[in-house]
Amino acid sequence: MLNLAIIIGSVRTGRQSHKAAYYLEKKFKEFKDINVKIVDLINYEVPILEERLSRTENPPASVKEASEILDKSDAIILVSPEYHGGISGVLKNFLDYFLKEITKKPIGVVTASGGKFGGINASHEIQKLILAIGSYPMPKKFLVPFVHQSFDNEYNALNEETAKGAEAFVSEFVWFANTITNGKNLFTKAA
């Protein structure tokens, strides 16, 4: 069983990138051996970081809950809109709380924008962040251009380009996450 956490990195009024996350959740749930957990940051009150979780005496309950979800996950997908050419501030702040929970895990990147480039600048920034924390960024990304026109309110794809992009991303991520997690398990020391 692969435990997958999908983190939705937008809390903005009128947000759209969350639709990509919930669409992917439906796609991953089609696999019987994948357990998907959505971490929608709109439901987590995460204060501006003063100190990493491991060095905090009384962390907020929302941070502790997220830590448990991330710690139990084998793989992670980060979903962010592109704001001013970069990752959303709320997602970066959230990730800064955690290190041991996300290090050495396969991580996929999904970005969205209202324009034709689908958040490519944010996707590059996220992949650099993944490398900086010692995790494994999947080379293939799911970029969603014109996000307002890509999904309906029931989280269905509205066009063939979005559906095909998601299908290719899901297929690649399943292989990538299983390859890395199975490879890590091969080299675990016996107790």
N, C-alpha and C. Protein backbone atom coordinates (compact mmCIF):
# COMPACT_ATOMS: atom_id res chain seq x y z
N MET A 1 0.84 -1.18 0.00
CA MET A 1 0.00 0.00 0.00
C MET A 1 0.89 1.24 0.00
N LEU A 2 0.62 2.14 -0.91
CA LEU A 2 1.33 3.41 -0.99
C LEU A 2 0.47 4.49 -0.34
N ASN A 3 0.99 5.13 0.69
CA ASN A 3 0.28 6.23 1.35
C ASN A 3 0.72 7.54 0.71
N LEU A 4 -0.22 8.23 0.11
CA LEU A 4 0.04 9.45 -0.64
C LEU A 4 -0.65 10.63 0.01
N ALA A 5 0.10 11.70 0.26
CA ALA A 5 -0.46 12.95 0.75
C ALA A 5 -0.42 13.97 -0.38
N ILE A 6 -1.56 14.60 -0.65
CA ILE A 6 -1.65 15.68 -1.63
C ILE A 6 -1.87 16.96 -0.85
N ILE A 7 -0.93 17.89 -0.96
CA ILE A 7 -1.00 19.14 -0.20
C ILE A 7 -1.48 20.25 -1.12
N ILE A 8 -2.58 20.87 -0.73
CA ILE A 8 -3.15 21.98 -1.50
C ILE A 8 -2.62 23.27 -0.91
N GLY A 9 -1.79 23.97 -1.67
CA GLY A 9 -1.08 25.14 -1.17
C GLY A 9 -1.71 26.47 -1.51
N SER A 10 -3.02 26.59 -1.36
CA SER A 10 -3.66 27.87 -1.58
C SER A 10 -4.85 28.01 -0.64
N VAL A 11 -4.95 29.18 -0.04
CA VAL A 11 -6.09 29.48 0.83
C VAL A 11 -6.81 30.73 0.34
N ARG A 12 -6.44 31.19 -0.79
CA ARG A 12 -6.93 32.45 -1.34
C ARG A 12 -8.41 32.37 -1.70
N THR A 13 -9.15 33.43 -1.46
CA THR A 13 -10.54 33.52 -1.88
C THR A 13 -10.60 33.40 -3.41
N GLY A 14 -11.49 32.56 -3.89
CA GLY A 14 -11.62 32.36 -5.33
C GLY A 14 -10.55 31.47 -5.93
N ARG A 15 -9.83 30.76 -5.09
CA ARG A 15 -8.75 29.88 -5.57
C ARG A 15 -9.27 28.88 -6.59
N GLN A 16 -8.37 28.39 -7.44
CA GLN A 16 -8.73 27.42 -8.47
C GLN A 16 -7.84 26.19 -8.48
N SER A 17 -6.61 26.33 -8.00
CA SER A 17 -5.65 25.22 -8.08
C SER A 17 -6.09 24.00 -7.29
N HIS A 18 -6.92 24.20 -6.28
CA HIS A 18 -7.41 23.07 -5.49
C HIS A 18 -8.19 22.07 -6.35
N LYS A 19 -8.78 22.56 -7.43
CA LYS A 19 -9.54 21.67 -8.31
C LYS A 19 -8.64 20.61 -8.94
N ALA A 20 -7.42 21.00 -9.25
CA ALA A 20 -6.46 20.02 -9.80
C ALA A 20 -6.16 18.95 -8.78
N ALA A 21 -6.01 19.35 -7.52
CA ALA A 21 -5.71 18.39 -6.45
C ALA A 21 -6.84 17.39 -6.26
N TYR A 22 -8.06 17.90 -6.20
CA TYR A 22 -9.20 17.00 -5.99
C TYR A 22 -9.46 16.11 -7.22
N TYR A 23 -9.15 16.62 -8.40
CA TYR A 23 -9.24 15.80 -9.61
C TYR A 23 -8.22 14.66 -9.54
N LEU A 24 -7.00 14.98 -9.15
CA LEU A 24 -5.96 13.95 -9.02
C LEU A 24 -6.32 12.95 -7.93
N GLU A 25 -6.90 13.42 -6.85
CA GLU A 25 -7.32 12.49 -5.79
C GLU A 25 -8.24 11.42 -6.36
N LYS A 26 -9.20 11.83 -7.18
CA LYS A 26 -10.12 10.85 -7.80
C LYS A 26 -9.35 9.86 -8.67
N LYS A 27 -8.37 10.37 -9.41
CA LYS A 27 -7.58 9.49 -10.29
C LYS A 27 -6.75 8.49 -9.49
N PHE A 28 -6.13 8.94 -8.41
CA PHE A 28 -5.32 8.03 -7.60
C PHE A 28 -6.18 7.02 -6.86
N LYS A 29 -7.39 7.37 -6.51
CA LYS A 29 -8.28 6.44 -5.81
C LYS A 29 -8.74 5.30 -6.72
N GLU A 30 -8.49 5.40 -8.01
CA GLU A 30 -8.80 4.31 -8.92
C GLU A 30 -7.84 3.14 -8.74
N PHE A 31 -6.73 3.37 -8.07
CA PHE A 31 -5.74 2.32 -7.79
C PHE A 31 -6.06 1.71 -6.43
N LYS A 32 -6.20 0.40 -6.38
CA LYS A 32 -6.57 -0.25 -5.12
C LYS A 32 -5.47 -0.25 -4.08
N ASP A 33 -4.23 -0.05 -4.50
CA ASP A 33 -3.12 -0.10 -3.56
C ASP A 33 -2.53 1.28 -3.23
N ILE A 34 -3.36 2.33 -3.42
CA ILE A 34 -2.93 3.68 -3.05
C ILE A 34 -3.96 4.28 -2.10
N ASN A 35 -3.48 4.73 -0.95
CA ASN A 35 -4.31 5.41 0.03
C ASN A 35 -4.00 6.91 -0.06
N VAL A 36 -5.00 7.72 -0.39
CA VAL A 36 -4.79 9.14 -0.63
C VAL A 36 -5.35 9.97 0.53
N LYS A 37 -4.55 10.91 0.99
CA LYS A 37 -4.97 11.84 2.04
C LYS A 37 -4.73 13.25 1.53
N ILE A 38 -5.78 14.05 1.49
CA ILE A 38 -5.67 15.46 1.09
C ILE A 38 -5.34 16.29 2.32
N VAL A 39 -4.34 17.15 2.19
CA VAL A 39 -4.02 18.13 3.22
C VAL A 39 -4.30 19.49 2.58
N ASP A 40 -5.52 19.98 2.79
CA ASP A 40 -5.95 21.25 2.21
C ASP A 40 -5.64 22.35 3.22
N LEU A 41 -4.68 23.19 2.89
CA LEU A 41 -4.21 24.19 3.86
C LEU A 41 -5.28 25.19 4.26
N ILE A 42 -6.39 25.22 3.56
CA ILE A 42 -7.50 26.08 3.97
C ILE A 42 -8.10 25.57 5.29
N ASN A 43 -7.88 24.29 5.59
CA ASN A 43 -8.40 23.68 6.82
C ASN A 43 -7.37 23.61 7.94
N TYR A 44 -6.18 24.14 7.70
CA TYR A 44 -5.11 24.08 8.70
C TYR A 44 -4.65 25.51 9.01
N GLU A 45 -4.86 25.91 10.24
CA GLU A 45 -4.37 27.23 10.64
C GLU A 45 -2.91 27.08 11.04
N VAL A 46 -2.05 27.47 10.13
CA VAL A 46 -0.61 27.34 10.34
C VAL A 46 -0.04 28.74 10.46
N PRO A 47 0.42 29.12 11.65
CA PRO A 47 0.95 30.48 11.83
C PRO A 47 2.27 30.67 11.07
N ILE A 48 2.64 31.92 10.90
CA ILE A 48 3.93 32.24 10.29
C ILE A 48 5.01 31.53 11.10
N LEU A 49 5.92 30.86 10.40
CA LEU A 49 6.94 30.05 11.05
C LEU A 49 7.85 30.89 11.94
N GLU A 50 7.97 30.46 13.18
CA GLU A 50 8.97 31.03 14.09
C GLU A 50 10.09 30.02 14.32
N GLU A 51 9.73 28.72 14.27
CA GLU A 51 10.72 27.66 14.46
C GLU A 51 10.18 26.37 13.88
N ARG A 52 11.06 25.54 13.36
CA ARG A 52 10.67 24.24 12.81
C ARG A 52 9.97 23.41 13.87
N LEU A 53 9.07 22.55 13.47
CA LEU A 53 8.27 21.74 14.38
C LEU A 53 9.13 20.98 15.38
N SER A 54 10.22 20.38 14.94
CA SER A 54 11.05 19.56 15.83
C SER A 54 11.68 20.37 16.96
N ARG A 55 11.68 21.68 16.83
CA ARG A 55 12.28 22.54 17.85
C ARG A 55 11.25 23.39 18.59
N THR A 56 9.98 23.03 18.47
CA THR A 56 8.89 23.78 19.07
C THR A 56 8.32 23.02 20.25
N GLU A 57 8.21 23.70 21.40
CA GLU A 57 7.69 23.02 22.59
C GLU A 57 6.19 22.76 22.51
N ASN A 58 5.42 23.75 22.10
CA ASN A 58 3.97 23.61 22.04
C ASN A 58 3.47 23.99 20.64
N PRO A 59 3.66 23.11 19.68
CA PRO A 59 3.22 23.45 18.33
C PRO A 59 1.70 23.48 18.23
N PRO A 60 1.17 24.27 17.31
CA PRO A 60 -0.28 24.28 17.10
C PRO A 60 -0.78 22.88 16.73
N ALA A 61 -2.00 22.59 17.13
CA ALA A 61 -2.59 21.27 16.85
C ALA A 61 -2.61 20.97 15.35
N SER A 62 -2.87 21.99 14.54
CA SER A 62 -2.92 21.78 13.10
C SER A 62 -1.55 21.36 12.55
N VAL A 63 -0.48 21.89 13.12
CA VAL A 63 0.86 21.53 12.67
C VAL A 63 1.19 20.09 13.10
N LYS A 64 0.78 19.73 14.32
CA LYS A 64 1.01 18.35 14.78
C LYS A 64 0.24 17.36 13.92
N GLU A 65 -1.00 17.69 13.59
CA GLU A 65 -1.82 16.80 12.75
C GLU A 65 -1.20 16.63 11.37
N ALA A 66 -0.77 17.73 10.78
CA ALA A 66 -0.13 17.66 9.47
C ALA A 66 1.16 16.85 9.54
N SER A 67 1.90 17.01 10.63
CA SER A 67 3.15 16.26 10.80
C SER A 67 2.88 14.76 10.79
N GLU A 68 1.84 14.34 11.47
CA GLU A 68 1.49 12.91 11.52
C GLU A 68 1.13 12.38 10.13
N ILE A 69 0.36 13.19 9.38
CA ILE A 69 -0.03 12.77 8.02
C ILE A 69 1.19 12.65 7.13
N LEU A 70 2.05 13.66 7.18
CA LEU A 70 3.25 13.65 6.33
C LEU A 70 4.21 12.55 6.73
N ASP A 71 4.34 12.31 8.03
CA ASP A 71 5.24 11.27 8.52
C ASP A 71 4.80 9.88 8.04
N LYS A 72 3.49 9.66 7.99
CA LYS A 72 2.95 8.37 7.56
C LYS A 72 2.93 8.21 6.04
N SER A 73 3.08 9.31 5.33
CA SER A 73 3.02 9.22 3.87
C SER A 73 4.31 8.66 3.30
N ASP A 74 4.15 7.90 2.23
CA ASP A 74 5.31 7.37 1.50
C ASP A 74 5.71 8.32 0.38
N ALA A 75 4.75 9.09 -0.10
CA ALA A 75 4.97 10.00 -1.22
C ALA A 75 4.06 11.21 -1.05
N ILE A 76 4.45 12.30 -1.69
CA ILE A 76 3.73 13.57 -1.53
C ILE A 76 3.58 14.24 -2.89
N ILE A 77 2.46 14.92 -3.06
CA ILE A 77 2.26 15.79 -4.22
C ILE A 77 1.98 17.18 -3.69
N LEU A 78 2.71 18.15 -4.21
CA LEU A 78 2.53 19.55 -3.82
C LEU A 78 1.79 20.26 -4.93
N VAL A 79 0.70 20.93 -4.58
CA VAL A 79 -0.12 21.65 -5.54
C VAL A 79 -0.09 23.13 -5.18
N SER A 80 0.33 23.96 -6.13
CA SER A 80 0.43 25.40 -5.86
C SER A 80 -0.01 26.21 -7.07
N PRO A 81 -0.68 27.31 -6.80
CA PRO A 81 -0.86 28.28 -7.87
C PRO A 81 0.46 29.02 -8.05
N GLU A 82 0.59 29.72 -9.16
CA GLU A 82 1.76 30.58 -9.33
C GLU A 82 1.36 32.00 -8.98
N TYR A 83 2.02 32.55 -7.97
CA TYR A 83 1.78 33.93 -7.56
C TYR A 83 3.03 34.73 -7.85
N HIS A 84 2.93 35.71 -8.71
CA HIS A 84 4.06 36.60 -9.05
C HIS A 84 5.30 35.80 -9.43
N GLY A 85 5.10 34.75 -10.20
CA GLY A 85 6.22 33.97 -10.71
C GLY A 85 6.79 32.95 -9.74
N GLY A 86 6.11 32.70 -8.61
CA GLY A 86 6.66 31.76 -7.64
C GLY A 86 5.60 30.95 -6.92
N ILE A 87 6.07 30.15 -5.98
CA ILE A 87 5.25 29.29 -5.14
C ILE A 87 4.36 30.14 -4.23
N SER A 88 3.23 29.61 -3.82
CA SER A 88 2.38 30.35 -2.89
C SER A 88 3.08 30.46 -1.54
N GLY A 89 2.94 31.60 -0.90
CA GLY A 89 3.56 31.83 0.39
C GLY A 89 3.07 30.88 1.46
N VAL A 90 1.80 30.55 1.43
CA VAL A 90 1.24 29.67 2.45
C VAL A 90 1.82 28.26 2.35
N LEU A 91 2.08 27.79 1.14
CA LEU A 91 2.69 26.47 0.96
C LEU A 91 4.13 26.47 1.45
N LYS A 92 4.89 27.50 1.10
CA LYS A 92 6.28 27.58 1.55
C LYS A 92 6.34 27.65 3.07
N ASN A 93 5.49 28.47 3.68
CA ASN A 93 5.46 28.57 5.14
C ASN A 93 5.13 27.22 5.77
N PHE A 94 4.16 26.53 5.21
CA PHE A 94 3.76 25.20 5.71
C PHE A 94 4.93 24.23 5.65
N LEU A 95 5.58 24.15 4.51
CA LEU A 95 6.68 23.19 4.33
C LEU A 95 7.87 23.50 5.24
N ASP A 96 8.08 24.76 5.55
CA ASP A 96 9.20 25.13 6.41
C ASP A 96 9.10 24.54 7.82
N TYR A 97 7.91 24.17 8.24
CA TYR A 97 7.73 23.55 9.56
C TYR A 97 8.34 22.15 9.61
N PHE A 98 8.42 21.49 8.47
CA PHE A 98 8.73 20.07 8.45
C PHE A 98 10.03 19.80 7.72
N LEU A 99 10.80 18.87 8.23
CA LEU A 99 11.97 18.39 7.52
C LEU A 99 11.99 16.87 7.56
N LYS A 100 12.04 16.31 8.77
CA LYS A 100 12.12 14.85 8.86
C LYS A 100 10.89 14.17 8.25
N GLU A 101 9.75 14.85 8.26
CA GLU A 101 8.52 14.25 7.74
C GLU A 101 8.51 14.15 6.22
N ILE A 102 9.31 14.98 5.54
CA ILE A 102 9.25 15.00 4.08
C ILE A 102 10.58 14.66 3.40
N THR A 103 11.65 14.54 4.17
CA THR A 103 12.95 14.21 3.60
C THR A 103 12.96 12.78 3.06
N LYS A 104 13.66 12.60 1.95
CA LYS A 104 13.85 11.30 1.31
C LYS A 104 12.56 10.65 0.81
N LYS A 105 11.61 11.49 0.43
CA LYS A 105 10.35 10.97 -0.13
C LYS A 105 10.21 11.43 -1.57
N PRO A 106 9.56 10.62 -2.40
CA PRO A 106 9.25 11.05 -3.76
C PRO A 106 8.15 12.11 -3.72
N ILE A 107 8.37 13.20 -4.45
CA ILE A 107 7.42 14.30 -4.42
C ILE A 107 7.11 14.74 -5.85
N GLY A 108 5.83 14.85 -6.14
CA GLY A 108 5.36 15.34 -7.43
C GLY A 108 4.95 16.79 -7.33
N VAL A 109 5.00 17.49 -8.44
CA VAL A 109 4.70 18.92 -8.48
C VAL A 109 3.56 19.20 -9.45
N VAL A 110 2.57 19.93 -8.94
CA VAL A 110 1.44 20.37 -9.74
C VAL A 110 1.31 21.87 -9.54
N THR A 111 1.30 22.62 -10.63
CA THR A 111 1.10 24.06 -10.54
C THR A 111 0.02 24.48 -11.52
N ALA A 112 -0.57 25.63 -11.22
CA ALA A 112 -1.65 26.15 -12.04
C ALA A 112 -1.55 27.66 -12.13
N SER A 113 -2.05 28.17 -13.24
CA SER A 113 -2.10 29.62 -13.40
C SER A 113 -3.29 29.98 -14.28
N GLY A 114 -3.61 31.25 -14.26
CA GLY A 114 -4.67 31.74 -15.11
C GLY A 114 -4.21 31.98 -16.55
N GLY A 115 -2.91 31.90 -16.78
CA GLY A 115 -2.36 32.12 -18.11
C GLY A 115 -1.95 30.84 -18.80
N LYS A 116 -1.26 31.00 -19.91
CA LYS A 116 -0.97 29.85 -20.78
C LYS A 116 0.22 29.00 -20.35
N PHE A 117 1.01 29.44 -19.36
CA PHE A 117 2.20 28.67 -18.98
C PHE A 117 1.98 27.72 -17.81
N GLY A 118 0.83 27.73 -17.19
CA GLY A 118 0.50 26.74 -16.17
C GLY A 118 1.33 26.77 -14.90
N GLY A 119 1.94 27.91 -14.61
CA GLY A 119 2.71 27.99 -13.37
C GLY A 119 4.10 27.40 -13.46
N ILE A 120 4.69 27.42 -14.63
CA ILE A 120 5.99 26.78 -14.82
C ILE A 120 7.08 27.36 -13.92
N ASN A 121 7.05 28.67 -13.67
CA ASN A 121 8.06 29.26 -12.80
C ASN A 121 7.92 28.73 -11.37
N ALA A 122 6.70 28.64 -10.89
CA ALA A 122 6.46 28.07 -9.56
C ALA A 122 6.90 26.62 -9.50
N SER A 123 6.68 25.87 -10.59
CA SER A 123 7.06 24.45 -10.60
C SER A 123 8.57 24.29 -10.47
N HIS A 124 9.33 25.15 -11.13
CA HIS A 124 10.80 25.09 -11.01
C HIS A 124 11.23 25.42 -9.58
N GLU A 125 10.58 26.41 -9.00
CA GLU A 125 10.91 26.80 -7.63
C GLU A 125 10.62 25.66 -6.65
N ILE A 126 9.50 24.99 -6.84
CA ILE A 126 9.14 23.87 -5.96
C ILE A 126 10.13 22.73 -6.12
N GLN A 127 10.53 22.42 -7.35
CA GLN A 127 11.49 21.33 -7.53
C GLN A 127 12.83 21.65 -6.87
N LYS A 128 13.27 22.90 -6.91
CA LYS A 128 14.51 23.28 -6.21
C LYS A 128 14.34 23.13 -4.70
N LEU A 129 13.17 23.47 -4.20
CA LEU A 129 12.89 23.31 -2.77
C LEU A 129 12.93 21.84 -2.38
N ILE A 130 12.36 20.98 -3.20
CA ILE A 130 12.36 19.54 -2.92
C ILE A 130 13.79 19.02 -2.84
N LEU A 131 14.63 19.43 -3.75
CA LEU A 131 16.04 19.02 -3.72
C LEU A 131 16.73 19.55 -2.47
N ALA A 132 16.42 20.79 -2.08
CA ALA A 132 17.06 21.40 -0.92
C ALA A 132 16.73 20.68 0.38
N ILE A 133 15.56 20.06 0.46
CA ILE A 133 15.19 19.33 1.68
C ILE A 133 15.61 17.87 1.63
N GLY A 134 16.27 17.47 0.56
CA GLY A 134 16.78 16.10 0.48
C GLY A 134 15.75 15.09 0.06
N SER A 135 14.79 15.53 -0.74
CA SER A 135 13.78 14.61 -1.26
C SER A 135 13.97 14.44 -2.76
N TYR A 136 13.07 13.69 -3.39
CA TYR A 136 13.21 13.31 -4.78
C TYR A 136 12.10 13.91 -5.63
N PRO A 137 12.39 14.99 -6.37
CA PRO A 137 11.35 15.57 -7.22
C PRO A 137 11.15 14.74 -8.48
N MET A 138 9.92 14.42 -8.79
CA MET A 138 9.66 13.72 -10.03
C MET A 138 9.89 14.69 -11.18
N PRO A 139 10.66 14.30 -12.18
CA PRO A 139 10.94 15.21 -13.30
C PRO A 139 9.68 15.68 -14.03
N LYS A 140 8.73 14.79 -14.25
CA LYS A 140 7.49 15.16 -14.95
C LYS A 140 6.59 15.92 -13.99
N LYS A 141 6.09 17.06 -14.47
CA LYS A 141 5.20 17.89 -13.67
C LYS A 141 3.83 17.95 -14.34
N PHE A 142 2.83 18.32 -13.58
CA PHE A 142 1.50 18.55 -14.14
C PHE A 142 1.25 20.05 -14.04
N LEU A 143 1.35 20.72 -15.19
CA LEU A 143 1.12 22.16 -15.27
C LEU A 143 -0.27 22.40 -15.83
N VAL A 144 -1.04 23.25 -15.16
CA VAL A 144 -2.42 23.50 -15.57
C VAL A 144 -2.57 24.95 -16.02
N PRO A 145 -2.53 25.20 -17.33
CA PRO A 145 -2.76 26.56 -17.82
C PRO A 145 -4.26 26.86 -17.84
N PHE A 146 -4.58 28.14 -17.81
CA PHE A 146 -5.98 28.57 -17.85
C PHE A 146 -6.83 27.75 -16.88
N VAL A 147 -6.38 27.69 -15.64
CA VAL A 147 -6.99 26.81 -14.65
C VAL A 147 -8.49 27.06 -14.49
N HIS A 148 -8.95 28.29 -14.69
CA HIS A 148 -10.38 28.61 -14.57
C HIS A 148 -11.22 27.85 -15.60
N GLN A 149 -10.58 27.46 -16.69
CA GLN A 149 -11.28 26.77 -17.77
C GLN A 149 -10.95 25.28 -17.81
N SER A 150 -10.24 24.77 -16.81
CA SER A 150 -9.75 23.39 -16.87
C SER A 150 -10.57 22.39 -16.07
N PHE A 151 -11.28 22.85 -15.03
CA PHE A 151 -12.05 21.96 -14.17
C PHE A 151 -13.40 22.58 -13.84
N ASP A 152 -14.39 21.71 -13.64
CA ASP A 152 -15.68 22.21 -13.17
C ASP A 152 -15.70 22.16 -11.64
N ASN A 153 -16.82 22.53 -11.05
CA ASN A 153 -16.91 22.58 -9.58
C ASN A 153 -17.04 21.21 -8.93
N GLU A 154 -17.20 20.16 -9.73
CA GLU A 154 -17.21 18.79 -9.21
C GLU A 154 -15.87 18.12 -9.44
N TYR A 155 -14.88 18.90 -9.82
CA TYR A 155 -13.50 18.44 -10.00
C TYR A 155 -13.36 17.45 -11.16
N ASN A 156 -14.02 17.75 -12.25
CA ASN A 156 -13.86 16.99 -13.48
C ASN A 156 -13.09 17.85 -14.48
N ALA A 157 -12.29 17.22 -15.31
CA ALA A 157 -11.55 17.94 -16.34
C ALA A 157 -12.52 18.43 -17.41
N LEU A 158 -12.32 19.65 -17.86
CA LEU A 158 -13.21 20.24 -18.85
C LEU A 158 -12.67 20.17 -20.27
N ASN A 159 -11.42 19.70 -20.41
CA ASN A 159 -10.86 19.61 -21.76
C ASN A 159 -9.91 18.43 -21.84
N GLU A 160 -9.67 18.00 -23.07
CA GLU A 160 -8.85 16.81 -23.31
C GLU A 160 -7.39 17.03 -22.89
N GLU A 161 -6.88 18.24 -23.09
CA GLU A 161 -5.49 18.53 -22.73
C GLU A 161 -5.27 18.34 -21.23
N THR A 162 -6.20 18.82 -20.41
CA THR A 162 -6.08 18.67 -18.96
C THR A 162 -6.17 17.19 -18.57
N ALA A 163 -7.14 16.49 -19.12
CA ALA A 163 -7.32 15.07 -18.80
C ALA A 163 -6.09 14.26 -19.19
N LYS A 164 -5.54 14.50 -20.37
CA LYS A 164 -4.35 13.76 -20.81
C LYS A 164 -3.13 14.11 -19.96
N GLY A 165 -2.98 15.37 -19.62
CA GLY A 165 -1.86 15.79 -18.77
C GLY A 165 -1.92 15.13 -17.41
N ALA A 166 -3.12 15.08 -16.85
CA ALA A 166 -3.30 14.44 -15.54
C ALA A 166 -3.03 12.94 -15.63
N GLU A 167 -3.51 12.31 -16.67
CA GLU A 167 -3.32 10.87 -16.85
C GLU A 167 -1.83 10.52 -16.94
N ALA A 168 -1.10 11.30 -17.72
CA ALA A 168 0.34 11.07 -17.87
C ALA A 168 1.06 11.29 -16.54
N PHE A 169 0.66 12.33 -15.80
CA PHE A 169 1.28 12.63 -14.52
C PHE A 169 1.01 11.50 -13.51
N VAL A 170 -0.23 11.07 -13.42
CA VAL A 170 -0.60 10.01 -12.47
C VAL A 170 0.16 8.73 -12.79
N SER A 171 0.18 8.34 -14.04
CA SER A 171 0.88 7.12 -14.44
C SER A 171 2.36 7.19 -14.07
N GLU A 172 2.99 8.31 -14.38
CA GLU A 172 4.41 8.48 -14.08
C GLU A 172 4.65 8.52 -12.57
N PHE A 173 3.76 9.18 -11.84
CA PHE A 173 3.95 9.30 -10.39
C PHE A 173 3.82 7.95 -9.70
N VAL A 174 2.88 7.14 -10.12
CA VAL A 174 2.71 5.81 -9.53
C VAL A 174 4.00 5.00 -9.70
N TRP A 175 4.55 5.02 -10.90
CA TRP A 175 5.82 4.31 -11.14
C TRP A 175 6.94 4.91 -10.29
N PHE A 176 7.09 6.22 -10.32
CA PHE A 176 8.15 6.93 -9.62
C PHE A 176 8.09 6.68 -8.11
N ALA A 177 6.94 6.87 -7.52
CA ALA A 177 6.79 6.69 -6.07
C ALA A 177 7.03 5.25 -5.66
N ASN A 178 6.49 4.29 -6.41
CA ASN A 178 6.71 2.89 -6.07
C ASN A 178 8.17 2.48 -6.25
N THR A 179 8.81 2.97 -7.28
CA THR A 179 10.22 2.63 -7.51
C THR A 179 11.09 3.13 -6.37
N ILE A 180 10.87 4.37 -5.94
CA ILE A 180 11.69 4.92 -4.86
C ILE A 180 11.36 4.27 -3.53
N THR A 181 10.11 4.12 -3.20
CA THR A 181 9.78 3.53 -1.90
C THR A 181 10.18 2.07 -1.83
N ASN A 182 10.00 1.32 -2.91
CA ASN A 182 10.43 -0.08 -2.91
C ASN A 182 11.95 -0.18 -2.86
N GLY A 183 12.65 0.72 -3.55
CA GLY A 183 14.11 0.74 -3.52
C GLY A 183 14.64 1.05 -2.13
N LYS A 184 13.99 1.98 -1.43
CA LYS A 184 14.41 2.31 -0.07
C LYS A 184 14.22 1.12 0.84
N ASN A 185 13.15 0.38 0.65
CA ASN A 185 12.86 -0.79 1.50
C ASN A 185 13.87 -1.93 1.29
N LEU A 186 14.48 -1.98 0.11
CA LEU A 186 15.46 -3.02 -0.16
C LEU A 186 16.71 -2.87 0.72
N PHE A 187 16.99 -1.66 1.09
CA PHE A 187 18.22 -1.39 1.82
C PHE A 187 18.01 -1.06 3.29
N THR A 188 16.85 -1.40 3.82
CA THR A 188 16.57 -1.20 5.23
C THR A 188 17.30 -2.27 6.03
N LYS A 189 18.00 -1.85 7.07
CA LYS A 189 18.73 -2.82 7.91
C LYS A 189 17.78 -3.72 8.69
N ALA A 190 18.17 -4.95 8.83
CA ALA A 190 17.37 -5.89 9.62
C ALA A 190 17.50 -5.51 11.10
N ALA A 191 16.42 -5.72 11.84
CA ALA A 191 16.42 -5.35 13.27
C ALA A 191 17.20 -6.32 14.10
